[in-house]
Amino acid sequence: MNDDVNARQVFYSTNFDSAATDHLFSDNFFFMKINSITQVSIILSFVAGYADTSTFVGVDGLFSAHVTGNFVVFAYDIVTDQIALSWLKLTSVPVFILSIVFCSLLINDSDISKRNTNKLLIIEGLLLITAGGMTYFYRYENIAFVFKVIIPMLVVFALGLQNAYGRFSAKEILAPTTVMTGNVTQLFIDITHHLKFKNRQEYELSIKIVNGSYVISSFLVGCITGGLITKSIGLSSTVFAGILVFIVSSIKKGSASKS
């Protein structure tokens, strides 16, 4: 049995991305040891779903994790004569772009290290906690501009950082953590191929299916959790998301120190 496991480790470590496979040598894929890459992917996917639904529920249907969805909501507001609500959706796009530009200036393409990309997570966590804290401290004030513009845009900027993190650190996550359309597409391509192919290809596909399931299910749980909590306490809920991002940052620091 041990010889078989060792043989599989040698084969897959030389043929597939080691970052995605070095923790998956178990006969039961769904109860395997979860390494730092999987932990980071699960938490960040949860945070993205959580934040996206929090702003959608708490700020008149605003998406923060995948702002292109705001184009659809903007069009809906226009055709249903809710123009007063629509401008915020458009505002989120330049704010999101600004966060990407900020990341590009902060991170040097020639030196994309774990320490440098970890800065993005630290800033994201600070912004999410700041947004939640402002919501809490201004909850008795009738300051519409703060609640409708500044706080939501802090969340949009923060999730822009997470989107950029996924680009700069693609090898440190299982899959994109902020937008699930591509992940769902890939998952069902892999499931279909899993039913079609056998032996070594089947084993590789099993790994990819589990990875995709981790990310998508975490995002879904985050959506439900963020919606429920935000409905109860408003955008103060983003404090929890910020704390989770700090946990991810500490996980990355720990893995970096071991490598």
Protein backbone atom coordinates (compact mmCIF):
# COMPACT_ATOMS: atom_id res chain seq x y z
CA MET A 1 0.00 0.00 0.00
CA ASN A 2 2.76 2.45 0.94
CA ASP A 3 4.65 1.61 -2.26
CA ASP A 4 1.54 2.40 -4.30
CA VAL A 5 1.07 5.77 -2.60
CA ASN A 6 4.75 6.62 -3.08
CA ALA A 7 4.56 5.71 -6.76
CA ARG A 8 1.57 7.95 -7.27
CA GLN A 9 3.33 10.82 -5.50
CA VAL A 10 6.34 10.53 -7.80
CA PHE A 11 4.17 10.40 -10.93
CA TYR A 12 1.96 13.34 -10.09
CA SER A 13 4.74 15.51 -8.67
CA THR A 14 6.52 15.25 -12.02
CA ASN A 15 3.52 15.61 -14.33
CA PHE A 16 1.17 18.07 -12.69
CA ASP A 17 1.36 21.36 -10.80
CA SER A 18 2.87 20.43 -7.45
CA ALA A 19 1.12 23.31 -5.71
CA ALA A 20 -2.24 21.77 -6.54
CA THR A 21 -1.37 18.12 -5.97
CA ASP A 22 1.20 17.70 -3.22
CA HIS A 23 -1.50 17.45 -0.54
CA LEU A 24 -3.92 15.19 -2.39
CA PHE A 25 -2.42 11.71 -2.09
CA SER A 26 -5.21 10.08 -0.18
CA ASP A 27 -7.66 7.36 -1.08
CA ASN A 28 -10.52 9.62 0.03
CA PHE A 29 -10.20 12.94 -1.77
CA PHE A 30 -12.83 14.76 0.27
CA PHE A 31 -11.21 14.01 3.62
CA MET A 32 -7.61 14.57 2.67
CA LYS A 33 -5.10 16.71 4.50
CA ILE A 34 -5.65 20.36 3.59
CA ASN A 35 -2.48 22.38 3.07
CA SER A 36 -1.98 26.13 3.20
CA ILE A 37 -2.89 26.68 -0.47
CA THR A 38 -6.25 24.99 0.03
CA GLN A 39 -6.86 26.84 3.31
CA VAL A 40 -6.16 30.19 1.65
CA SER A 41 -8.40 29.35 -1.31
CA ILE A 42 -11.31 28.26 0.89
CA ILE A 43 -11.17 31.34 3.12
CA LEU A 44 -10.73 33.86 0.31
CA SER A 45 -13.60 32.29 -1.67
CA PHE A 46 -15.78 32.52 1.43
CA VAL A 47 -14.77 36.17 1.92
CA ALA A 48 -15.58 37.05 -1.70
CA GLY A 49 -19.03 35.49 -1.54
CA TYR A 50 -19.62 37.01 1.88
CA ALA A 51 -18.63 40.54 0.83
CA ASP A 52 -20.42 40.37 -2.52
CA THR A 53 -23.73 39.43 -0.90
CA SER A 54 -23.21 41.84 2.00
CA THR A 55 -23.04 44.85 -0.30
CA PHE A 56 -25.84 43.48 -2.49
CA VAL A 57 -28.14 43.13 0.52
CA GLY A 58 -26.95 46.22 2.38
CA VAL A 59 -26.39 48.71 -0.47
CA ASP A 60 -29.27 48.50 -2.93
CA GLY A 61 -28.00 45.60 -5.02
CA LEU A 62 -24.32 46.57 -5.33
CA PHE A 63 -21.82 43.85 -6.24
CA SER A 64 -18.37 44.30 -4.73
CA ALA A 65 -16.45 41.15 -5.70
CA HIS A 66 -17.33 41.03 -9.40
CA VAL A 67 -18.23 44.59 -10.31
CA THR A 68 -19.11 43.77 -13.92
CA GLY A 69 -22.33 42.38 -12.48
CA ASN A 70 -23.17 45.98 -11.63
CA PHE A 71 -23.62 46.68 -15.35
CA VAL A 72 -26.60 44.33 -15.31
CA VAL A 73 -28.05 45.90 -12.17
CA PHE A 74 -27.42 49.36 -13.62
CA ALA A 75 -29.38 48.45 -16.74
CA TYR A 76 -32.17 47.03 -14.58
CA ASP A 77 -32.34 50.28 -12.57
CA ILE A 78 -32.58 52.28 -15.78
CA VAL A 79 -35.38 50.26 -17.37
CA THR A 80 -37.35 50.17 -14.10
CA ASP A 81 -37.02 53.95 -13.58
CA GLN A 82 -34.80 53.64 -10.51
CA ILE A 83 -32.19 56.06 -11.86
CA ALA A 84 -31.51 57.50 -8.38
CA LEU A 85 -30.06 54.12 -7.38
CA SER A 86 -28.14 53.43 -10.57
CA TRP A 87 -25.25 55.88 -10.30
CA LEU A 88 -23.65 53.96 -7.42
CA LYS A 89 -23.28 50.88 -9.62
CA LEU A 90 -21.32 52.88 -12.19
CA THR A 91 -19.20 54.50 -9.49
CA SER A 92 -18.01 51.07 -8.38
CA VAL A 93 -16.29 50.43 -11.73
CA PRO A 94 -13.71 53.26 -11.59
CA VAL A 95 -13.15 52.52 -7.91
CA PHE A 96 -12.44 48.89 -8.78
CA ILE A 97 -10.11 49.95 -11.59
CA LEU A 98 -8.32 52.31 -9.22
CA SER A 99 -7.66 49.43 -6.83
CA ILE A 100 -6.14 47.37 -9.67
CA VAL A 101 -3.90 50.29 -10.66
CA PHE A 102 -2.88 50.65 -7.02
CA CYS A 103 -1.92 46.97 -6.89
CA SER A 104 0.08 47.23 -10.10
CA LEU A 105 2.04 50.15 -8.67
CA LEU A 106 2.56 48.42 -5.32
CA ILE A 107 3.68 45.06 -6.71
CA ASN A 108 6.71 44.97 -8.99
CA ASP A 109 6.24 42.41 -11.79
CA SER A 110 9.90 41.47 -11.53
CA ASP A 111 9.60 40.71 -7.82
CA ILE A 112 6.25 39.02 -7.17
CA SER A 113 7.10 37.34 -3.89
CA LYS A 114 4.79 35.96 -1.21
CA ARG A 115 5.79 38.83 1.07
CA ASN A 116 4.87 41.46 -1.53
CA THR A 117 1.53 39.93 -2.47
CA ASN A 118 0.70 39.48 1.21
CA LYS A 119 0.60 43.28 1.44
CA LEU A 120 -2.55 43.19 -0.66
CA LEU A 121 -4.29 40.93 1.84
CA ILE A 122 -3.26 43.09 4.78
CA ILE A 123 -4.65 46.21 3.11
CA GLU A 124 -7.82 44.35 2.12
CA GLY A 125 -8.36 43.23 5.70
CA LEU A 126 -7.85 46.77 7.01
CA LEU A 127 -10.33 48.22 4.52
CA LEU A 128 -13.03 45.64 5.30
CA ILE A 129 -12.65 46.20 9.04
CA THR A 130 -12.68 49.98 8.51
CA ALA A 131 -15.88 49.75 6.45
CA GLY A 132 -17.56 47.62 9.11
CA GLY A 133 -16.34 49.87 11.92
CA MET A 134 -17.61 53.01 10.19
CA THR A 135 -21.01 51.39 9.71
CA TYR A 136 -21.15 50.58 13.42
CA PHE A 137 -20.03 53.98 14.70
CA TYR A 138 -22.23 55.96 12.30
CA ARG A 139 -25.28 53.74 12.75
CA TYR A 140 -27.21 56.42 14.68
CA GLU A 141 -26.22 59.24 12.32
CA ASN A 142 -28.31 60.22 9.31
CA ILE A 143 -25.35 60.53 6.94
CA ALA A 144 -26.51 59.03 3.67
CA PHE A 145 -23.29 59.88 1.82
CA VAL A 146 -21.21 57.85 4.26
CA PHE A 147 -23.46 54.79 4.14
CA LYS A 148 -24.27 54.90 0.43
CA VAL A 149 -20.89 55.89 -1.02
CA ILE A 150 -17.79 55.85 1.19
CA ILE A 151 -18.39 52.58 3.04
CA PRO A 152 -19.52 50.53 -0.01
CA MET A 153 -16.61 51.86 -2.09
CA LEU A 154 -14.16 50.80 0.62
CA VAL A 155 -15.50 47.27 0.23
CA VAL A 156 -15.30 47.47 -3.57
CA PHE A 157 -11.69 48.68 -3.36
CA ALA A 158 -10.86 45.89 -0.92
CA LEU A 159 -12.30 43.20 -3.19
CA GLY A 160 -10.45 44.75 -6.11
CA LEU A 161 -7.28 44.00 -4.16
CA GLN A 162 -8.38 40.38 -3.78
CA ASN A 163 -9.06 40.13 -7.51
CA ALA A 164 -5.56 41.44 -8.19
CA TYR A 165 -4.10 39.07 -5.62
CA GLY A 166 -5.57 36.18 -7.56
CA ARG A 167 -3.72 37.36 -10.66
CA PHE A 168 -0.39 38.02 -8.97
CA SER A 169 -0.51 34.83 -6.89
CA ALA A 170 -2.25 32.40 -9.22
CA LYS A 171 0.04 29.55 -8.10
CA GLU A 172 -0.84 30.14 -4.45
CA ILE A 173 -4.58 29.48 -4.85
CA LEU A 174 -6.53 26.56 -6.30
CA ALA A 175 -8.66 28.74 -8.59
CA PRO A 176 -9.93 32.32 -8.87
CA THR A 177 -11.71 33.17 -5.61
CA THR A 178 -13.88 36.14 -6.58
CA VAL A 179 -15.86 35.15 -9.70
CA MET A 180 -17.33 31.68 -9.93
CA THR A 181 -18.61 31.51 -13.52
CA GLY A 182 -15.31 30.22 -14.90
CA ASN A 183 -14.87 27.87 -11.94
CA VAL A 184 -18.29 26.30 -12.42
CA THR A 185 -17.60 25.91 -16.14
CA GLN A 186 -14.28 24.19 -15.48
CA LEU A 187 -15.77 22.00 -12.75
CA PHE A 188 -18.39 20.48 -15.03
CA ILE A 189 -15.91 20.07 -17.86
CA ASP A 190 -13.77 18.09 -15.41
CA ILE A 191 -16.73 16.07 -14.12
CA THR A 192 -17.69 15.15 -17.68
CA HIS A 193 -14.12 14.12 -18.50
CA HIS A 194 -13.89 12.24 -15.20
CA LEU A 195 -16.78 10.05 -16.34
CA LYS A 196 -15.15 9.59 -19.73
CA PHE A 197 -11.49 8.86 -18.96
CA LYS A 198 -9.86 6.21 -16.76
CA ASN A 199 -6.70 5.44 -14.79
CA ARG A 200 -4.16 8.27 -14.50
CA GLN A 201 -6.31 10.86 -16.24
CA GLU A 202 -9.18 9.95 -13.95
CA TYR A 203 -6.96 10.51 -10.90
CA GLU A 204 -5.83 13.92 -12.15
CA LEU A 205 -9.42 14.94 -12.88
CA SER A 206 -10.49 13.82 -9.39
CA ILE A 207 -7.96 16.25 -7.94
CA LYS A 208 -9.24 19.10 -10.11
CA ILE A 209 -12.87 18.34 -9.22
CA VAL A 210 -12.14 18.43 -5.50
CA ASN A 211 -10.20 21.69 -5.84
CA GLY A 212 -13.04 23.30 -7.79
CA SER A 213 -15.61 22.03 -5.31
CA TYR A 214 -13.71 23.55 -2.40
CA VAL A 215 -13.68 27.00 -4.00
CA ILE A 216 -17.26 27.03 -5.31
CA SER A 217 -18.85 25.61 -2.16
CA SER A 218 -16.91 28.06 0.03
CA PHE A 219 -18.12 30.97 -2.10
CA LEU A 220 -21.72 29.75 -1.82
CA VAL A 221 -21.51 29.37 1.96
CA GLY A 222 -20.00 32.86 2.12
CA CYS A 223 -22.90 34.27 0.10
CA ILE A 224 -25.49 32.76 2.43
CA THR A 225 -23.60 33.78 5.57
CA GLY A 226 -22.96 37.33 4.38
CA GLY A 227 -26.57 37.81 3.37
CA LEU A 228 -27.96 36.57 6.69
CA ILE A 229 -25.57 38.56 8.87
CA THR A 230 -25.84 41.77 6.85
CA LYS A 231 -29.62 41.59 6.91
CA SER A 232 -29.39 41.53 10.71
CA ILE A 233 -26.64 44.08 11.45
CA GLY A 234 -25.95 45.93 8.19
CA LEU A 235 -22.49 46.42 6.70
CA SER A 236 -20.87 46.13 10.12
CA SER A 237 -20.72 42.52 8.96
CA THR A 238 -17.62 43.26 6.87
CA VAL A 239 -15.52 43.31 10.06
CA PHE A 240 -15.78 39.51 10.13
CA ALA A 241 -14.60 39.29 6.52
CA GLY A 242 -11.63 41.51 7.35
CA ILE A 243 -10.65 39.27 10.26
CA LEU A 244 -10.75 36.24 7.95
CA VAL A 245 -8.44 38.00 5.48
CA PHE A 246 -5.96 38.63 8.30
CA ILE A 247 -6.11 34.92 9.09
CA VAL A 248 -5.22 34.20 5.46
CA SER A 249 -2.32 36.62 5.73
CA SER A 250 -1.00 34.80 8.80
CA ILE A 251 -1.34 31.44 7.03
CA LYS A 252 0.70 32.78 4.13
CA LYS A 253 3.36 34.12 6.47
CA GLY A 254 3.59 30.75 8.14
CA SER A 255 3.93 28.89 4.84
CA ALA A 256 6.51 31.39 3.60
CA SER A 257 8.66 30.92 6.70
CA LYS A 258 8.64 27.13 6.19
CA SER A 259 9.66 27.38 2.53
